[in-house]
């Protein structure tokens, strides 16, 4: 814990209903944020629980429904921050995948899968930054954007070729925006590895998920299956005053998976 280094911050978290998004929202609230806007696409009850947890830490929680693939929805999410006159930190955490873990099965993916993943994982993040730009620039110190990318972006592993490609595009976009928006806005990305949340278990039997979890623990150098809270601490660092001279950076938070110690398969 870094004390109250987010004191007075206004924060937007997309994809904030569960998992990493929820952990980020709670972390910034614990660290003194004034208001946390929690975006969700369809999981209203889970997002409402995130707001409850945020408010239990003393911050104002605000629900914001909207699919970030829709530019009008992005502008509506950002509009909820206008009464505060600023956004100190935007966490572009909303994301999706198409599970096709056998990357050699090229027929498992269609063009529509790529387009949908890119519309959320890449275009959605871009649209959120564009919508929030003026309020990020209005922050007393450079506003911070943190994009949730993935270890898939740098290793090509993950739930599908389309997912890895979309996260690679997000990482490249992080570099472009860090140059374009400096000096008033910092833009960085975090690249998690396996996160032990229900998201990783979608479309998989429980025994498959457990085998994957145990495989991660055995094969990563730190011998850990990271929790959402483990990743959130590093993600929030990239928006904190401690990283005030960091922009255009990609931080791998994967218990060492990228070192090559682990099998390059997530199956």
Protein backbone atom coordinates (compact mmCIF):
# COMPACT_ATOMS: atom_id res chain seq x y z
CA UNK A 1 0.00 0.00 0.00
CA UNK A 2 1.28 3.43 -0.95
CA UNK A 3 -0.75 5.45 1.55
CA UNK A 4 -3.14 8.02 0.12
CA UNK A 5 -1.23 8.85 -3.05
CA UNK A 6 -4.50 8.95 -5.02
CA UNK A 7 -6.01 11.55 -2.68
CA UNK A 8 -8.67 13.52 -4.54
CA UNK A 9 -8.25 11.56 -7.78
CA UNK A 10 -11.10 11.04 -10.22
CA UNK A 11 -10.66 7.64 -11.84
CA UNK A 12 -12.39 5.81 -14.69
CA UNK A 13 -12.15 2.02 -14.91
CA UNK A 14 -13.63 0.28 -17.95
CA UNK A 15 -14.54 -3.35 -17.55
CA UNK A 16 -14.81 -2.77 -13.82
CA UNK A 17 -17.46 -5.29 -12.84
CA UNK A 18 -15.22 -8.20 -11.83
CA UNK A 19 -11.66 -9.49 -11.79
CA UNK A 20 -8.83 -7.07 -12.50
CA UNK A 21 -11.17 -4.13 -13.11
CA UNK A 22 -12.78 -4.54 -9.72
CA UNK A 23 -9.39 -4.94 -8.04
CA UNK A 24 -8.15 -1.71 -9.68
CA UNK A 25 -11.26 0.20 -8.59
CA UNK A 26 -10.93 -0.96 -4.98
CA UNK A 27 -7.17 -0.30 -4.93
CA UNK A 28 -7.51 3.33 -6.02
CA UNK A 29 -10.34 3.85 -3.52
CA UNK A 30 -8.18 2.48 -0.74
CA UNK A 31 -5.47 4.90 -1.79
CA UNK A 32 -7.69 7.96 -1.46
CA UNK A 33 -9.52 8.43 -4.76
CA UNK A 34 -12.38 10.89 -4.55
CA UNK A 35 -14.54 9.23 -7.22
CA UNK A 36 -14.33 6.00 -9.21
CA UNK A 37 -16.43 5.58 -12.33
CA UNK A 38 -17.03 1.85 -12.83
CA UNK A 39 -17.90 0.90 -16.38
CA UNK A 40 -19.57 -2.34 -17.37
CA UNK A 41 -21.12 -3.67 -20.57
CA UNK A 42 -23.68 -6.16 -19.27
CA UNK A 43 -22.77 -7.36 -15.76
CA UNK A 44 -24.79 -4.78 -13.83
CA UNK A 45 -25.07 -6.69 -10.55
CA UNK A 46 -21.35 -7.39 -10.44
CA UNK A 47 -20.55 -3.76 -11.28
CA UNK A 48 -22.89 -2.60 -8.52
CA UNK A 49 -20.94 -4.79 -6.11
CA UNK A 50 -17.72 -3.11 -7.26
CA UNK A 51 -19.30 0.27 -6.52
CA UNK A 52 -20.31 -0.96 -3.08
CA UNK A 53 -16.73 -2.06 -2.36
CA UNK A 54 -15.39 1.29 -3.62
CA UNK A 55 -17.75 3.22 -1.39
CA UNK A 56 -16.83 1.05 1.60
CA UNK A 57 -13.30 2.47 1.14
CA UNK A 58 -14.60 6.04 1.28
CA UNK A 59 -14.71 6.96 -2.41
CA UNK A 60 -17.76 7.91 -4.45
CA UNK A 61 -18.67 5.09 -6.80
CA UNK A 62 -20.47 5.78 -10.06
CA UNK A 63 -21.97 3.12 -12.34
CA UNK A 64 -21.46 3.61 -16.08
CA UNK A 65 -23.04 1.15 -18.48
CA UNK A 66 -21.69 1.01 -22.01
CA UNK A 67 -19.86 -1.07 -24.59
CA UNK A 68 -16.56 0.69 -25.31
CA UNK A 69 -16.77 -0.47 -28.93
CA UNK A 70 -19.49 2.19 -29.28
CA UNK A 71 -17.99 5.68 -29.48
CA UNK A 72 -21.18 7.30 -28.16
CA UNK A 73 -21.03 5.03 -25.12
CA UNK A 74 -17.42 6.05 -24.48
CA UNK A 75 -18.40 9.72 -24.53
CA UNK A 76 -21.29 9.02 -22.16
CA UNK A 77 -18.98 7.22 -19.72
CA UNK A 78 -16.57 10.14 -19.73
CA UNK A 79 -19.41 12.63 -19.32
CA UNK A 80 -20.00 11.25 -15.82
CA UNK A 81 -16.64 12.76 -14.83
CA UNK A 82 -17.45 16.24 -16.15
CA UNK A 83 -18.91 17.50 -12.83
CA UNK A 84 -15.48 16.89 -11.28
CA UNK A 85 -13.72 18.91 -13.99
CA UNK A 86 -10.96 16.37 -14.54
CA UNK A 87 -9.92 12.74 -14.90
CA UNK A 88 -6.69 11.87 -13.15
CA UNK A 89 -6.50 8.28 -14.33
CA UNK A 90 -8.18 6.22 -17.03
CA UNK A 91 -7.78 2.45 -16.84
CA UNK A 92 -8.65 0.88 -20.18
CA UNK A 93 -9.39 -2.54 -18.77
CA UNK A 94 -12.42 -3.63 -20.81
CA UNK A 95 -11.56 -6.57 -22.99
CA UNK A 96 -12.84 -9.77 -24.52
CA UNK A 97 -11.61 -12.88 -26.26
CA UNK A 98 -12.64 -15.76 -28.46
CA UNK A 99 -11.37 -19.01 -27.00
CA UNK A 100 -9.48 -20.99 -29.61
CA UNK A 101 -6.44 -22.18 -27.62
CA UNK A 102 -5.14 -24.51 -30.35
CA UNK A 103 -3.42 -21.83 -32.40
CA UNK A 104 -2.75 -24.25 -35.25
CA UNK A 105 -6.48 -24.66 -35.89
CA UNK A 106 -6.93 -21.71 -38.19
CA UNK A 107 -10.53 -22.65 -38.90
CA UNK A 108 -11.43 -21.96 -35.27
CA UNK A 109 -11.47 -18.23 -35.99
CA UNK A 110 -13.42 -16.19 -38.50
CA UNK A 111 -12.96 -12.62 -39.66
CA UNK A 112 -15.89 -11.60 -37.47
CA UNK A 113 -13.98 -12.80 -34.40
CA UNK A 114 -11.02 -10.57 -35.23
CA UNK A 115 -13.24 -7.59 -35.90
CA UNK A 116 -15.16 -7.95 -32.64
CA UNK A 117 -12.00 -8.40 -30.55
CA UNK A 118 -10.32 -5.41 -32.18
CA UNK A 119 -13.46 -3.29 -31.76
CA UNK A 120 -13.34 -3.76 -27.98
CA UNK A 121 -9.68 -4.38 -27.15
CA UNK A 122 -8.13 -1.77 -29.45
CA UNK A 123 -10.71 0.62 -30.90
CA UNK A 124 -12.57 0.80 -27.58
CA UNK A 125 -9.45 1.84 -25.72
CA UNK A 126 -8.65 4.44 -28.38
CA UNK A 127 -12.17 5.86 -28.23
CA UNK A 128 -12.00 6.12 -24.44
CA UNK A 129 -8.75 8.07 -24.63
CA UNK A 130 -10.15 10.36 -27.29
CA UNK A 131 -13.31 11.01 -25.26
CA UNK A 132 -11.36 11.61 -22.04
CA UNK A 133 -8.52 13.67 -23.49
CA UNK A 134 -9.73 17.10 -22.40
CA UNK A 135 -10.48 15.98 -18.85
CA UNK A 136 -7.16 14.12 -18.60
CA UNK A 137 -5.38 17.28 -19.71
CA UNK A 138 -7.32 19.24 -17.08
CA UNK A 139 -5.79 17.20 -14.24
CA UNK A 140 -3.31 19.19 -12.09
CA UNK A 141 -0.52 16.75 -12.96
CA UNK A 142 -0.30 14.83 -16.26
CA UNK A 143 -3.33 12.58 -16.57
CA UNK A 144 -2.53 8.89 -16.71
CA UNK A 145 -3.86 6.25 -19.09
CA UNK A 146 -3.14 2.61 -18.30
CA UNK A 147 -4.07 0.04 -20.92
CA UNK A 148 -4.58 -3.58 -19.90
CA UNK A 149 -2.66 -5.51 -22.52
CA UNK A 150 -1.40 -9.08 -22.00
CA UNK A 151 1.62 -11.34 -22.00
CA UNK A 152 -0.03 -12.62 -25.19
CA UNK A 153 1.01 -9.34 -26.83
CA UNK A 154 4.72 -10.11 -26.49
CA UNK A 155 4.78 -13.91 -26.70
CA UNK A 156 1.89 -14.81 -29.00
CA UNK A 157 0.41 -17.24 -26.45
CA UNK A 158 -3.06 -17.01 -25.00
CA UNK A 159 -6.68 -17.83 -25.61
CA UNK A 160 -6.50 -17.34 -29.40
CA UNK A 161 -4.44 -15.89 -32.22
CA UNK A 162 -7.02 -13.11 -32.56
CA UNK A 163 -6.70 -12.19 -28.87
CA UNK A 164 -2.89 -12.12 -29.00
CA UNK A 165 -2.98 -9.99 -32.14
CA UNK A 166 -5.42 -7.51 -30.61
CA UNK A 167 -3.28 -7.12 -27.51
CA UNK A 168 -0.19 -6.64 -29.65
CA UNK A 169 -2.03 -3.84 -31.42
CA UNK A 170 -2.97 -2.30 -28.06
CA UNK A 171 0.66 -2.33 -26.96
CA UNK A 172 1.76 -0.60 -30.16
CA UNK A 173 -1.05 1.93 -29.79
CA UNK A 174 0.22 2.67 -26.27
CA UNK A 175 3.54 3.78 -27.76
CA UNK A 176 1.86 5.93 -30.40
CA UNK A 177 -0.41 7.67 -27.89
CA UNK A 178 2.39 8.18 -25.37
CA UNK A 179 4.24 10.22 -28.01
CA UNK A 180 1.17 12.01 -29.33
CA UNK A 181 -0.34 13.06 -25.99
CA UNK A 182 2.80 14.08 -24.10
CA UNK A 183 3.48 16.13 -22.06
CA UNK A 184 -0.04 16.52 -20.65
CA UNK A 185 -0.98 12.82 -20.62
CA UNK A 186 1.08 9.74 -19.77
CA UNK A 187 0.16 6.46 -21.50
CA UNK A 188 1.42 3.07 -20.34
CA UNK A 189 0.36 -0.57 -20.56
CA UNK A 190 0.41 -3.50 -18.19
CA UNK A 191 0.82 -7.03 -19.54
CA UNK A 192 -0.57 -9.61 -17.12
CA UNK A 193 0.01 -13.30 -17.50
CA UNK A 194 -2.44 -15.81 -16.08
CA UNK A 195 -4.85 -14.20 -13.60
CA UNK A 196 -6.77 -16.57 -11.37
CA UNK A 197 -10.25 -15.17 -12.03
CA UNK A 198 -13.47 -16.60 -13.53
CA UNK A 199 -12.62 -14.84 -16.82
CA UNK A 200 -9.98 -17.47 -17.56
CA UNK A 201 -12.50 -20.24 -16.96
CA UNK A 202 -15.04 -19.14 -19.53
CA UNK A 203 -16.02 -21.95 -21.89
CA UNK A 204 -13.78 -24.39 -20.00
CA UNK A 205 -14.70 -27.26 -17.65
CA UNK A 206 -13.65 -26.79 -14.03
CA UNK A 207 -11.11 -29.62 -14.22
CA UNK A 208 -9.47 -28.01 -17.25
CA UNK A 209 -9.20 -24.69 -15.42
CA UNK A 210 -7.68 -26.40 -12.38
CA UNK A 211 -5.11 -28.22 -14.55
CA UNK A 212 -4.21 -24.90 -16.15
CA UNK A 213 -3.89 -23.23 -12.73
CA UNK A 214 -1.59 -25.97 -11.43
CA UNK A 215 0.40 -25.90 -14.65
CA UNK A 216 0.96 -22.16 -14.23
CA UNK A 217 2.12 -22.60 -10.64
CA UNK A 218 4.58 -25.34 -11.62
CA UNK A 219 5.98 -23.65 -14.69
CA UNK A 220 6.37 -19.97 -13.80
CA UNK A 221 9.63 -18.89 -12.14
CA UNK A 222 7.77 -17.39 -9.16
CA UNK A 223 5.59 -20.52 -8.91
CA UNK A 224 2.43 -18.47 -8.56
CA UNK A 225 -0.99 -18.15 -10.13
CA UNK A 226 -1.45 -14.40 -9.85
CA UNK A 227 -4.64 -12.99 -8.34
CA UNK A 228 -6.41 -9.89 -9.63
CA UNK A 229 -5.08 -7.99 -6.60
CA UNK A 230 -1.50 -8.99 -7.48
CA UNK A 231 -1.88 -7.45 -10.94
CA UNK A 232 -3.88 -4.44 -9.75
CA UNK A 233 -1.06 -3.21 -7.51
CA UNK A 234 1.32 -2.98 -10.48
CA UNK A 235 -1.36 -1.55 -12.76
CA UNK A 236 -2.23 1.21 -10.32
CA UNK A 237 1.48 2.03 -9.93
CA UNK A 238 1.49 3.17 -13.57
CA UNK A 239 -1.15 5.80 -12.74
CA UNK A 240 0.39 6.89 -9.44
CA UNK A 241 2.72 9.81 -8.65
CA UNK A 242 5.50 7.23 -8.21
CA UNK A 243 5.47 6.69 -11.99
CA UNK A 244 5.22 10.38 -12.90
CA UNK A 245 8.25 10.13 -15.21
CA UNK A 246 7.10 6.91 -16.90
CA UNK A 247 5.31 6.97 -20.25
CA UNK A 248 5.28 4.65 -23.24
CA UNK A 249 6.21 1.74 -21.00
CA UNK A 250 4.93 -1.84 -21.13
CA UNK A 251 5.14 -3.54 -17.75
CA UNK A 252 5.05 -7.33 -17.75
CA UNK A 253 3.39 -8.68 -14.60
CA UNK A 254 3.33 -12.41 -15.26
CA UNK A 255 5.27 -14.15 -12.45
CA UNK A 256 8.12 -14.53 -14.94
CA UNK A 257 6.30 -16.32 -17.76
CA UNK A 258 8.08 -14.23 -20.40
CA UNK A 259 11.46 -15.56 -19.28
CA UNK A 260 10.81 -18.75 -21.17
CA UNK A 261 10.76 -20.98 -18.12
CA UNK A 262 7.11 -21.75 -18.75
CA UNK A 263 5.68 -23.81 -21.56
CA UNK A 264 4.54 -21.51 -24.35
CA UNK A 265 1.07 -23.02 -24.22
CA UNK A 266 -1.87 -21.91 -22.17
CA UNK A 267 -3.81 -25.12 -22.84
